[in-house]
């Protein structure tokens, strides 16, 4: 199955246009959060992505809530936040928000490590784990050298060992690729990224 994935669109019309154009060759599109900025403009992003030519699975970033994402009007989109779904034989589990809590203020949708771990406990099996936040130690280093990824996300990936862990959130690591056991970890960014996955 051909999967087109991205994160952290942040209202970028240029990147949205690239994603829509590329979606003609995708079986599934995955958006790993932060579609808008500071809870503003989600309706504009939905309009930008209205031409998607494949179904999308999305998790909320810290820039939008799960409820806001669900009502924004994205076409053929399933929002996962502490839940799972099956798509053509693939099991997907999604967890949004910033984990651990960010320093960005009251607008940011965040979870503590304990809250994230409790939600991730529901993931018994997944071919693809979608998390807005990266796992601790992979694709999570800021420009200041701080590792800001999630221990809970890393523990879930180590336990479940999905084929893919798709994330974003830490802009300084966009494009990162690494491995955690048998799991390929990718901090996506707003560029078009392709993955081939079989159930």
N, C-alpha and C. Protein backbone atom coordinates (compact mmCIF):
# COMPACT_ATOMS: atom_id res chain seq x y z
N UNK A 1 0.84 -1.18 0.00
CA UNK A 1 0.00 0.00 0.00
C UNK A 1 0.89 1.25 0.00
N UNK A 2 0.54 2.20 -0.84
CA UNK A 2 1.31 3.45 -0.92
C UNK A 2 0.69 4.49 0.00
N UNK A 3 1.49 4.97 0.94
CA UNK A 3 1.03 5.95 1.93
C UNK A 3 1.78 7.25 1.75
N UNK A 4 1.04 8.33 1.63
CA UNK A 4 1.59 9.68 1.60
C UNK A 4 1.40 10.26 3.00
N UNK A 5 2.48 10.74 3.61
CA UNK A 5 2.39 11.23 4.99
C UNK A 5 3.05 12.59 5.13
N UNK A 6 2.52 13.38 6.06
CA UNK A 6 3.07 14.71 6.34
C UNK A 6 2.70 15.11 7.76
N UNK A 7 3.35 16.15 8.26
CA UNK A 7 2.99 16.73 9.55
C UNK A 7 3.23 18.24 9.48
N UNK A 8 2.74 18.95 10.47
CA UNK A 8 3.11 20.36 10.67
C UNK A 8 2.91 21.23 9.43
N UNK A 9 1.74 21.11 8.86
CA UNK A 9 1.43 21.93 7.68
C UNK A 9 1.40 23.42 8.03
N UNK A 10 0.87 23.76 9.19
CA UNK A 10 0.89 25.14 9.69
C UNK A 10 0.43 26.15 8.64
N UNK A 11 -0.68 25.84 7.98
CA UNK A 11 -1.31 26.76 7.03
C UNK A 11 -0.48 27.05 5.78
N UNK A 12 0.46 26.20 5.45
CA UNK A 12 1.29 26.43 4.26
C UNK A 12 0.54 26.02 2.99
N UNK A 13 0.12 27.02 2.22
CA UNK A 13 -0.59 26.73 0.98
C UNK A 13 0.27 26.00 -0.04
N UNK A 14 1.55 26.33 -0.07
CA UNK A 14 2.46 25.69 -1.03
C UNK A 14 2.59 24.19 -0.73
N UNK A 15 2.79 23.86 0.53
CA UNK A 15 2.92 22.44 0.88
C UNK A 15 1.59 21.71 0.72
N UNK A 16 0.49 22.38 1.05
CA UNK A 16 -0.83 21.76 0.88
C UNK A 16 -1.07 21.42 -0.58
N UNK A 17 -0.71 22.32 -1.49
CA UNK A 17 -0.89 22.07 -2.92
C UNK A 17 -0.06 20.87 -3.37
N UNK A 18 1.16 20.74 -2.86
CA UNK A 18 2.00 19.60 -3.21
C UNK A 18 1.38 18.30 -2.72
N UNK A 19 0.82 18.32 -1.51
CA UNK A 19 0.21 17.13 -0.93
C UNK A 19 -1.02 16.72 -1.73
N UNK A 20 -1.86 17.69 -2.08
CA UNK A 20 -3.06 17.39 -2.87
C UNK A 20 -2.68 16.79 -4.22
N UNK A 21 -1.68 17.37 -4.87
CA UNK A 21 -1.26 16.86 -6.18
C UNK A 21 -0.71 15.44 -6.07
N UNK A 22 0.09 15.20 -5.04
CA UNK A 22 0.70 13.88 -4.87
C UNK A 22 -0.32 12.82 -4.47
N UNK A 23 -1.42 13.24 -3.86
CA UNK A 23 -2.40 12.27 -3.35
C UNK A 23 -3.03 11.43 -4.45
N UNK A 24 -2.91 11.85 -5.69
CA UNK A 24 -3.43 11.06 -6.80
C UNK A 24 -2.76 9.69 -6.88
N UNK A 25 -1.54 9.59 -6.36
CA UNK A 25 -0.82 8.33 -6.40
C UNK A 25 -0.85 7.56 -5.09
N UNK A 26 -1.66 8.01 -4.13
CA UNK A 26 -1.68 7.40 -2.80
C UNK A 26 -2.91 6.53 -2.58
N UNK A 27 -2.73 5.48 -1.79
CA UNK A 27 -3.88 4.71 -1.31
C UNK A 27 -4.44 5.32 -0.03
N UNK A 28 -3.56 5.96 0.74
CA UNK A 28 -3.95 6.55 2.02
C UNK A 28 -3.05 7.74 2.29
N UNK A 29 -3.64 8.80 2.86
CA UNK A 29 -2.88 9.97 3.31
C UNK A 29 -2.92 9.99 4.83
N UNK A 30 -1.77 10.28 5.44
CA UNK A 30 -1.69 10.40 6.90
C UNK A 30 -1.16 11.78 7.26
N UNK A 31 -1.91 12.48 8.11
CA UNK A 31 -1.50 13.78 8.61
C UNK A 31 -1.22 13.70 10.10
N UNK A 32 0.03 13.99 10.51
CA UNK A 32 0.45 13.79 11.89
C UNK A 32 0.42 15.07 12.72
N UNK A 33 -0.62 15.89 12.50
CA UNK A 33 -0.88 17.00 13.41
C UNK A 33 -0.29 18.34 13.05
N UNK A 34 -0.76 19.37 13.72
CA UNK A 34 -0.42 20.77 13.50
C UNK A 34 -0.75 21.22 12.08
N UNK A 35 -2.03 21.15 11.78
CA UNK A 35 -2.52 21.62 10.49
C UNK A 35 -2.60 23.15 10.46
N UNK A 36 -2.85 23.77 11.61
CA UNK A 36 -3.02 25.23 11.67
C UNK A 36 -2.04 25.82 12.67
N UNK A 37 -2.27 27.05 13.11
CA UNK A 37 -1.39 27.73 14.05
C UNK A 37 -2.19 28.22 15.25
N UNK A 38 -1.79 27.78 16.43
CA UNK A 38 -2.35 28.30 17.68
C UNK A 38 -3.87 28.28 17.68
N UNK A 39 -4.46 27.18 17.17
CA UNK A 39 -5.90 26.93 17.17
C UNK A 39 -6.65 27.81 16.18
N UNK A 40 -5.94 28.46 15.25
CA UNK A 40 -6.57 29.38 14.30
C UNK A 40 -6.33 28.92 12.87
N UNK A 41 -7.37 28.99 12.02
CA UNK A 41 -7.21 28.76 10.59
C UNK A 41 -7.46 27.34 10.12
N UNK A 42 -8.04 26.52 10.98
CA UNK A 42 -8.25 25.12 10.60
C UNK A 42 -9.21 25.00 9.41
N UNK A 43 -10.20 25.88 9.34
CA UNK A 43 -11.12 25.86 8.21
C UNK A 43 -10.41 26.18 6.90
N UNK A 44 -9.42 27.06 6.96
CA UNK A 44 -8.63 27.39 5.76
C UNK A 44 -7.82 26.19 5.28
N UNK A 45 -7.26 25.43 6.24
CA UNK A 45 -6.49 24.24 5.86
C UNK A 45 -7.41 23.19 5.25
N UNK A 46 -8.60 23.03 5.81
CA UNK A 46 -9.55 22.08 5.24
C UNK A 46 -9.87 22.42 3.80
N UNK A 47 -10.00 23.71 3.51
CA UNK A 47 -10.24 24.13 2.13
C UNK A 47 -9.03 23.85 1.25
N UNK A 48 -7.83 24.05 1.78
CA UNK A 48 -6.61 23.78 1.02
C UNK A 48 -6.49 22.30 0.63
N UNK A 49 -6.97 21.42 1.52
CA UNK A 49 -6.84 19.97 1.31
C UNK A 49 -8.11 19.35 0.74
N UNK A 50 -9.05 20.19 0.33
CA UNK A 50 -10.33 19.68 -0.17
C UNK A 50 -10.18 18.79 -1.40
N UNK A 51 -9.10 18.95 -2.15
CA UNK A 51 -8.90 18.16 -3.36
C UNK A 51 -8.17 16.85 -3.16
N UNK A 52 -7.95 16.43 -1.93
CA UNK A 52 -7.27 15.15 -1.69
C UNK A 52 -7.98 14.03 -2.43
N UNK A 53 -7.20 13.18 -3.08
CA UNK A 53 -7.75 12.11 -3.90
C UNK A 53 -7.62 10.74 -3.25
N UNK A 54 -7.38 10.72 -1.95
CA UNK A 54 -7.34 9.47 -1.18
C UNK A 54 -7.84 9.77 0.22
N UNK A 55 -8.36 8.76 0.92
CA UNK A 55 -8.80 8.98 2.30
C UNK A 55 -7.63 9.42 3.18
N UNK A 56 -7.93 10.19 4.24
CA UNK A 56 -6.89 10.64 5.16
C UNK A 56 -7.20 10.17 6.58
N UNK A 57 -6.15 9.79 7.27
CA UNK A 57 -6.18 9.54 8.71
C UNK A 57 -5.34 10.63 9.35
N UNK A 58 -5.87 11.30 10.36
CA UNK A 58 -5.18 12.43 10.97
C UNK A 58 -5.20 12.33 12.48
N UNK A 59 -4.13 12.81 13.10
CA UNK A 59 -4.11 13.03 14.54
C UNK A 59 -3.98 14.53 14.77
N UNK A 60 -4.54 15.04 15.86
CA UNK A 60 -4.38 16.46 16.15
C UNK A 60 -2.97 16.76 16.66
N UNK A 61 -2.47 17.92 16.31
CA UNK A 61 -1.21 18.37 16.88
C UNK A 61 -1.46 19.12 18.17
N UNK A 62 -0.45 19.83 18.64
CA UNK A 62 -0.70 20.69 19.79
C UNK A 62 -1.33 22.01 19.37
N UNK A 63 -1.43 22.24 18.04
CA UNK A 63 -2.03 23.47 17.54
C UNK A 63 -3.51 23.39 17.26
N UNK A 64 -4.13 22.22 17.46
CA UNK A 64 -5.58 22.07 17.29
C UNK A 64 -6.04 20.92 18.17
N UNK A 65 -7.26 21.01 18.66
CA UNK A 65 -7.79 19.93 19.49
C UNK A 65 -8.39 18.84 18.60
N UNK A 66 -8.61 17.69 19.20
CA UNK A 66 -9.22 16.58 18.47
C UNK A 66 -10.62 16.97 18.00
N UNK A 67 -11.39 17.60 18.85
CA UNK A 67 -12.74 18.01 18.47
C UNK A 67 -12.72 19.05 17.35
N UNK A 68 -11.81 19.99 17.43
CA UNK A 68 -11.69 21.00 16.37
C UNK A 68 -11.35 20.35 15.04
N UNK A 69 -10.47 19.36 15.07
CA UNK A 69 -10.08 18.68 13.84
C UNK A 69 -11.25 17.89 13.27
N UNK A 70 -12.05 17.28 14.14
CA UNK A 70 -13.17 16.47 13.67
C UNK A 70 -14.25 17.30 12.98
N UNK A 71 -14.45 18.53 13.41
CA UNK A 71 -15.53 19.35 12.86
C UNK A 71 -15.06 20.33 11.79
N UNK A 72 -13.79 20.26 11.42
CA UNK A 72 -13.22 21.25 10.50
C UNK A 72 -13.64 21.05 9.05
N UNK A 73 -14.17 19.89 8.71
CA UNK A 73 -14.63 19.67 7.35
C UNK A 73 -13.62 19.07 6.41
N UNK A 74 -12.60 18.38 6.94
CA UNK A 74 -11.65 17.70 6.07
C UNK A 74 -12.36 16.57 5.34
N UNK A 75 -12.13 16.41 4.03
CA UNK A 75 -12.83 15.38 3.27
C UNK A 75 -12.33 13.98 3.60
N UNK A 76 -13.23 13.03 3.71
CA UNK A 76 -12.89 11.61 3.89
C UNK A 76 -11.79 11.40 4.91
N UNK A 77 -11.94 12.00 6.09
CA UNK A 77 -10.88 11.97 7.10
C UNK A 77 -11.38 11.32 8.38
N UNK A 78 -10.56 10.40 8.90
CA UNK A 78 -10.78 9.80 10.20
C UNK A 78 -9.77 10.39 11.17
N UNK A 79 -10.25 10.94 12.28
CA UNK A 79 -9.38 11.52 13.30
C UNK A 79 -9.17 10.50 14.40
N UNK A 80 -7.91 10.20 14.69
CA UNK A 80 -7.55 9.27 15.76
C UNK A 80 -6.84 10.03 16.87
N UNK A 81 -7.31 9.84 18.09
CA UNK A 81 -6.64 10.41 19.26
C UNK A 81 -6.90 9.49 20.44
N UNK A 82 -5.99 8.54 20.62
CA UNK A 82 -6.18 7.51 21.62
C UNK A 82 -7.05 6.37 21.12
N UNK A 83 -7.12 6.22 19.79
CA UNK A 83 -7.96 5.19 19.20
C UNK A 83 -7.30 4.55 17.99
N UNK A 84 -7.99 3.53 17.46
CA UNK A 84 -7.44 2.76 16.35
C UNK A 84 -8.48 2.57 15.27
N UNK A 85 -8.01 2.13 14.13
CA UNK A 85 -8.89 1.80 13.02
C UNK A 85 -8.17 0.80 12.12
N UNK A 86 -8.95 0.20 11.23
CA UNK A 86 -8.38 -0.69 10.22
C UNK A 86 -8.65 -0.10 8.85
N UNK A 87 -7.65 -0.13 7.99
CA UNK A 87 -7.80 0.34 6.62
C UNK A 87 -7.19 -0.69 5.68
N UNK A 88 -8.03 -1.39 4.94
CA UNK A 88 -7.60 -2.39 3.97
C UNK A 88 -6.58 -3.36 4.57
N UNK A 89 -6.88 -3.83 5.78
CA UNK A 89 -6.03 -4.82 6.43
C UNK A 89 -4.93 -4.25 7.30
N UNK A 90 -4.69 -2.95 7.24
CA UNK A 90 -3.68 -2.31 8.08
C UNK A 90 -4.32 -1.81 9.37
N UNK A 91 -3.65 -2.03 10.49
CA UNK A 91 -4.10 -1.51 11.77
C UNK A 91 -3.33 -0.22 12.07
N UNK A 92 -4.08 0.85 12.33
CA UNK A 92 -3.48 2.14 12.64
C UNK A 92 -3.95 2.59 14.02
N UNK A 93 -3.03 3.15 14.79
CA UNK A 93 -3.36 3.73 16.09
C UNK A 93 -2.79 5.14 16.11
N UNK A 94 -3.58 6.09 16.62
CA UNK A 94 -3.14 7.48 16.62
C UNK A 94 -3.23 8.13 17.98
N UNK A 95 -2.25 8.99 18.27
CA UNK A 95 -2.25 9.81 19.48
C UNK A 95 -1.75 11.20 19.12
N UNK A 96 -2.59 12.19 19.36
CA UNK A 96 -2.21 13.56 19.05
C UNK A 96 -1.67 14.31 20.26
N UNK A 97 -1.54 15.64 20.06
CA UNK A 97 -1.13 16.61 21.09
C UNK A 97 0.39 16.56 21.36
N UNK A 98 0.83 17.57 22.09
CA UNK A 98 2.23 17.63 22.50
C UNK A 98 2.44 16.78 23.74
N UNK A 99 3.43 15.87 23.67
CA UNK A 99 3.78 15.02 24.81
C UNK A 99 5.30 15.02 24.94
N UNK A 100 5.85 15.38 26.11
CA UNK A 100 5.16 15.91 27.29
C UNK A 100 4.67 17.34 27.04
N UNK A 101 4.17 17.98 28.09
CA UNK A 101 3.60 19.31 27.95
C UNK A 101 4.63 20.28 27.39
N UNK A 102 4.16 21.17 26.51
CA UNK A 102 5.03 22.17 25.90
C UNK A 102 5.05 23.44 26.76
N UNK A 103 6.01 24.33 26.48
CA UNK A 103 6.04 25.62 27.19
C UNK A 103 5.28 26.72 26.45
N UNK A 104 4.40 26.35 25.52
CA UNK A 104 3.85 27.34 24.60
C UNK A 104 2.65 28.12 25.12
N UNK A 105 2.09 27.71 26.24
CA UNK A 105 0.98 28.48 26.79
C UNK A 105 -0.36 27.78 26.68
N UNK A 106 -1.41 28.51 27.04
CA UNK A 106 -2.73 27.91 27.20
C UNK A 106 -3.36 27.47 25.89
N UNK A 107 -2.91 28.00 24.75
CA UNK A 107 -3.50 27.58 23.48
C UNK A 107 -3.06 26.17 23.08
N UNK A 108 -1.94 25.70 23.62
CA UNK A 108 -1.36 24.44 23.16
C UNK A 108 -2.09 23.24 23.76
N UNK A 109 -2.43 22.28 22.91
CA UNK A 109 -3.08 21.03 23.33
C UNK A 109 -1.99 20.02 23.70
N UNK A 110 -1.87 19.74 24.97
CA UNK A 110 -0.78 18.91 25.47
C UNK A 110 -1.29 17.77 26.34
N UNK A 111 -0.46 16.76 26.51
CA UNK A 111 -0.70 15.66 27.44
C UNK A 111 0.54 15.45 28.28
N UNK A 112 0.35 15.08 29.53
CA UNK A 112 1.48 14.64 30.34
C UNK A 112 1.90 13.24 29.88
N UNK A 113 3.09 12.84 30.27
CA UNK A 113 3.54 11.48 29.94
C UNK A 113 2.58 10.43 30.52
N UNK A 114 2.07 10.69 31.72
CA UNK A 114 1.15 9.74 32.35
C UNK A 114 -0.16 9.65 31.56
N UNK A 115 -0.68 10.80 31.13
CA UNK A 115 -1.91 10.79 30.34
C UNK A 115 -1.69 10.06 29.00
N UNK A 116 -0.56 10.34 28.36
CA UNK A 116 -0.26 9.69 27.08
C UNK A 116 -0.10 8.19 27.25
N UNK A 117 0.59 7.77 28.29
CA UNK A 117 0.78 6.34 28.53
C UNK A 117 -0.55 5.63 28.74
N UNK A 118 -1.46 6.28 29.45
CA UNK A 118 -2.78 5.68 29.68
C UNK A 118 -3.54 5.51 28.38
N UNK A 119 -3.45 6.49 27.49
CA UNK A 119 -4.14 6.39 26.21
C UNK A 119 -3.47 5.37 25.30
N UNK A 120 -2.15 5.31 25.33
CA UNK A 120 -1.41 4.37 24.48
C UNK A 120 -1.55 2.93 24.95
N UNK A 121 -1.97 2.73 26.19
CA UNK A 121 -2.17 1.37 26.70
C UNK A 121 -3.25 0.63 25.92
N UNK A 122 -4.13 1.37 25.25
CA UNK A 122 -5.19 0.75 24.44
C UNK A 122 -4.65 0.18 23.13
N UNK A 123 -3.41 0.48 22.80
CA UNK A 123 -2.82 0.00 21.54
C UNK A 123 -2.19 -1.37 21.77
N UNK A 124 -2.90 -2.40 21.34
CA UNK A 124 -2.38 -3.76 21.49
C UNK A 124 -1.59 -4.23 20.29
N UNK A 125 -2.00 -3.78 19.12
CA UNK A 125 -1.30 -4.13 17.87
C UNK A 125 -1.51 -2.99 16.89
N UNK A 126 -0.47 -2.64 16.16
CA UNK A 126 -0.60 -1.64 15.11
C UNK A 126 0.48 -1.87 14.06
N UNK A 127 0.09 -1.72 12.82
CA UNK A 127 1.08 -1.69 11.74
C UNK A 127 1.70 -0.31 11.64
N UNK A 128 0.89 0.72 11.91
CA UNK A 128 1.35 2.10 11.88
C UNK A 128 0.89 2.80 13.14
N UNK A 129 1.83 3.39 13.86
CA UNK A 129 1.54 4.23 15.00
C UNK A 129 1.77 5.67 14.57
N UNK A 130 0.74 6.50 14.70
CA UNK A 130 0.82 7.90 14.32
C UNK A 130 0.79 8.73 15.61
N UNK A 131 1.83 9.50 15.81
CA UNK A 131 1.91 10.32 17.02
C UNK A 131 2.40 11.70 16.61
N UNK A 132 1.70 12.75 17.07
CA UNK A 132 2.23 14.08 16.75
C UNK A 132 3.63 14.25 17.34
N UNK A 133 3.83 13.78 18.55
CA UNK A 133 5.13 13.93 19.21
C UNK A 133 6.04 12.75 18.89
N UNK A 134 7.33 13.01 18.69
CA UNK A 134 8.27 11.92 18.43
C UNK A 134 8.59 11.15 19.71
N UNK A 135 9.14 9.96 19.56
CA UNK A 135 9.59 9.22 20.73
C UNK A 135 10.88 9.83 21.28
N UNK A 136 11.06 9.72 22.56
CA UNK A 136 12.29 10.23 23.17
C UNK A 136 13.51 9.61 22.49
N UNK A 137 14.44 10.45 22.03
CA UNK A 137 15.70 9.97 21.48
C UNK A 137 15.76 9.79 19.99
N UNK A 138 14.62 9.96 19.28
CA UNK A 138 14.64 9.82 17.83
C UNK A 138 13.85 10.96 17.20
N UNK A 139 14.52 11.80 16.45
CA UNK A 139 13.86 12.89 15.74
C UNK A 139 13.25 13.91 16.67
N UNK A 140 13.89 14.12 17.83
CA UNK A 140 13.26 14.96 18.86
C UNK A 140 14.17 16.05 19.41
N UNK A 141 15.27 16.37 18.71
CA UNK A 141 16.25 17.32 19.24
C UNK A 141 16.00 18.71 18.69
N UNK A 142 15.87 19.68 19.59
CA UNK A 142 15.64 21.07 19.18
C UNK A 142 16.94 21.71 18.74
N UNK A 143 16.83 22.91 18.18
CA UNK A 143 18.03 23.65 17.75
C UNK A 143 18.95 23.96 18.92
N UNK A 144 18.39 23.98 20.13
CA UNK A 144 19.19 24.20 21.32
C UNK A 144 19.81 22.94 21.90
N UNK A 145 19.59 21.80 21.23
CA UNK A 145 20.19 20.55 21.67
C UNK A 145 19.40 19.77 22.68
N UNK A 146 18.16 20.19 22.95
CA UNK A 146 17.33 19.49 23.92
C UNK A 146 16.56 18.34 23.28
N UNK A 147 16.52 17.20 23.95
CA UNK A 147 15.71 16.07 23.51
C UNK A 147 14.34 16.21 24.16
N UNK A 148 13.32 16.46 23.34
CA UNK A 148 12.00 16.80 23.89
C UNK A 148 10.93 15.78 23.49
N UNK A 149 11.34 14.60 23.07
CA UNK A 149 10.39 13.58 22.69
C UNK A 149 9.73 12.93 23.89
N UNK A 150 8.84 12.01 23.60
CA UNK A 150 8.00 11.40 24.62
C UNK A 150 8.48 10.02 25.03
N UNK A 151 8.63 9.84 26.34
CA UNK A 151 8.95 8.51 26.87
C UNK A 151 7.78 7.54 26.65
N UNK A 152 6.55 8.05 26.78
CA UNK A 152 5.37 7.19 26.62
C UNK A 152 5.24 6.69 25.19
N UNK A 153 5.50 7.57 24.22
CA UNK A 153 5.45 7.17 22.81
C UNK A 153 6.54 6.14 22.51
N UNK A 154 7.72 6.37 23.04
CA UNK A 154 8.81 5.42 22.82
C UNK A 154 8.48 4.06 23.42
N UNK A 155 7.96 4.06 24.64
CA UNK A 155 7.62 2.79 25.30
C UNK A 155 6.55 2.04 24.52
N UNK A 156 5.57 2.76 23.99
CA UNK A 156 4.52 2.10 23.20
C UNK A 156 5.08 1.51 21.92
N UNK A 157 5.98 2.23 21.27
CA UNK A 157 6.59 1.71 20.04
C UNK A 157 7.44 0.48 20.33
N UNK A 158 8.17 0.51 21.43
CA UNK A 158 8.99 -0.65 21.80
C UNK A 158 8.12 -1.86 22.12
N UNK A 159 7.00 -1.62 22.73
CA UNK A 159 6.09 -2.72 23.11
C UNK A 159 5.36 -3.29 21.91
N UNK A 160 4.85 -2.42 21.05
CA UNK A 160 3.99 -2.85 19.94
C UNK A 160 4.80 -3.21 18.70
N UNK A 161 5.94 -2.52 18.50
CA UNK A 161 6.79 -2.71 17.33
C UNK A 161 6.02 -2.59 16.01
N UNK A 162 5.37 -1.46 15.76
CA UNK A 162 4.72 -1.26 14.46
C UNK A 162 5.74 -1.17 13.35
N UNK A 163 5.28 -1.35 12.13
CA UNK A 163 6.20 -1.18 11.00
C UNK A 163 6.68 0.27 10.92
N UNK A 164 5.75 1.21 11.15
CA UNK A 164 6.07 2.64 11.06
C UNK A 164 5.60 3.37 12.30
N UNK A 165 6.40 4.34 12.74
CA UNK A 165 5.98 5.34 13.71
C UNK A 165 6.15 6.69 13.01
N UNK A 166 5.03 7.32 12.68
CA UNK A 166 5.04 8.58 11.95
C UNK A 166 4.72 9.71 12.92
N UNK A 167 5.56 10.75 12.93
CA UNK A 167 5.42 11.84 13.89
C UNK A 167 5.86 13.16 13.26
N UNK A 168 5.88 14.19 14.08
CA UNK A 168 6.29 15.52 13.64
C UNK A 168 6.70 16.33 14.85
N UNK A 169 6.09 17.53 15.01
CA UNK A 169 6.17 18.35 16.21
C UNK A 169 7.50 19.10 16.36
N UNK A 170 8.63 18.39 16.29
CA UNK A 170 9.93 19.03 16.47
C UNK A 170 10.45 19.44 15.10
N UNK A 171 10.28 20.72 14.80
CA UNK A 171 10.58 21.21 13.45
C UNK A 171 12.04 21.04 13.06
N UNK A 172 12.94 21.11 14.03
CA UNK A 172 14.36 21.00 13.72
C UNK A 172 14.75 19.62 13.22
N UNK A 173 13.87 18.64 13.38
CA UNK A 173 14.17 17.26 12.96
C UNK A 173 13.30 16.80 11.79
N UNK A 174 12.62 17.73 11.11
CA UNK A 174 11.86 17.33 9.93
C UNK A 174 12.76 16.59 8.96
N UNK A 175 12.27 15.47 8.46
CA UNK A 175 13.05 14.66 7.53
C UNK A 175 13.85 13.56 8.21
N UNK A 176 13.84 13.52 9.54
CA UNK A 176 14.59 12.49 10.26
C UNK A 176 14.03 11.11 9.95
N UNK A 177 14.92 10.14 9.78
CA UNK A 177 14.56 8.74 9.66
C UNK A 177 15.47 7.94 10.59
N UNK A 178 14.90 7.01 11.31
CA UNK A 178 15.68 6.17 12.22
C UNK A 178 14.92 4.91 12.53
N UNK A 179 15.47 4.08 13.37
CA UNK A 179 14.83 2.80 13.70
C UNK A 179 14.82 2.58 15.20
N UNK A 180 13.74 1.97 15.66
CA UNK A 180 13.55 1.58 17.04
C UNK A 180 13.15 0.11 16.99
N UNK A 181 14.13 -0.78 17.11
CA UNK A 181 13.85 -2.19 16.87
C UNK A 181 13.47 -2.38 15.41
N UNK A 182 12.33 -3.02 15.15
CA UNK A 182 11.89 -3.24 13.77
C UNK A 182 11.05 -2.08 13.24
N UNK A 183 10.90 -1.03 14.05
CA UNK A 183 10.04 0.09 13.69
C UNK A 183 10.84 1.20 13.02
N UNK A 184 10.40 1.61 11.83
CA UNK A 184 10.99 2.79 11.20
C UNK A 184 10.30 4.03 11.77
N UNK A 185 11.09 4.96 12.28
CA UNK A 185 10.58 6.21 12.85
C UNK A 185 10.85 7.33 11.86
N UNK A 186 9.82 8.14 11.59
CA UNK A 186 9.97 9.26 10.65
C UNK A 186 9.34 10.51 11.23
N UNK A 187 10.15 11.55 11.43
CA UNK A 187 9.63 12.88 11.74
C UNK A 187 9.40 13.55 10.40
N UNK A 188 8.16 13.77 10.05
CA UNK A 188 7.77 14.01 8.66
C UNK A 188 8.02 15.43 8.18
N UNK A 189 7.42 16.42 8.85
CA UNK A 189 7.41 17.77 8.31
C UNK A 189 6.39 17.89 7.19
N UNK A 190 6.22 19.10 6.63
CA UNK A 190 5.14 19.35 5.68
C UNK A 190 5.43 18.90 4.25
N UNK A 191 6.59 18.32 4.02
CA UNK A 191 6.92 17.83 2.69
C UNK A 191 6.17 16.53 2.40
N UNK A 192 6.05 16.18 1.15
CA UNK A 192 5.46 14.90 0.75
C UNK A 192 6.46 13.78 1.08
N UNK A 193 6.04 12.82 1.87
CA UNK A 193 6.85 11.65 2.20
C UNK A 193 6.07 10.39 1.83
N UNK A 194 6.77 9.45 1.22
CA UNK A 194 6.12 8.21 0.75
C UNK A 194 6.61 7.02 1.56
N UNK A 195 5.67 6.09 1.81
CA UNK A 195 5.97 4.85 2.52
C UNK A 195 5.19 3.72 1.86
N UNK A 196 5.80 2.54 1.80
CA UNK A 196 5.14 1.33 1.32
C UNK A 196 4.95 0.39 2.52
N UNK A 197 3.71 0.03 2.79
CA UNK A 197 3.42 -0.82 3.95
C UNK A 197 2.47 -1.92 3.51
N UNK A 198 2.73 -3.13 3.98
CA UNK A 198 1.84 -4.25 3.73
C UNK A 198 1.30 -4.77 5.06
N UNK A 199 0.03 -5.20 5.09
CA UNK A 199 -0.53 -5.75 6.34
C UNK A 199 0.24 -6.97 6.82
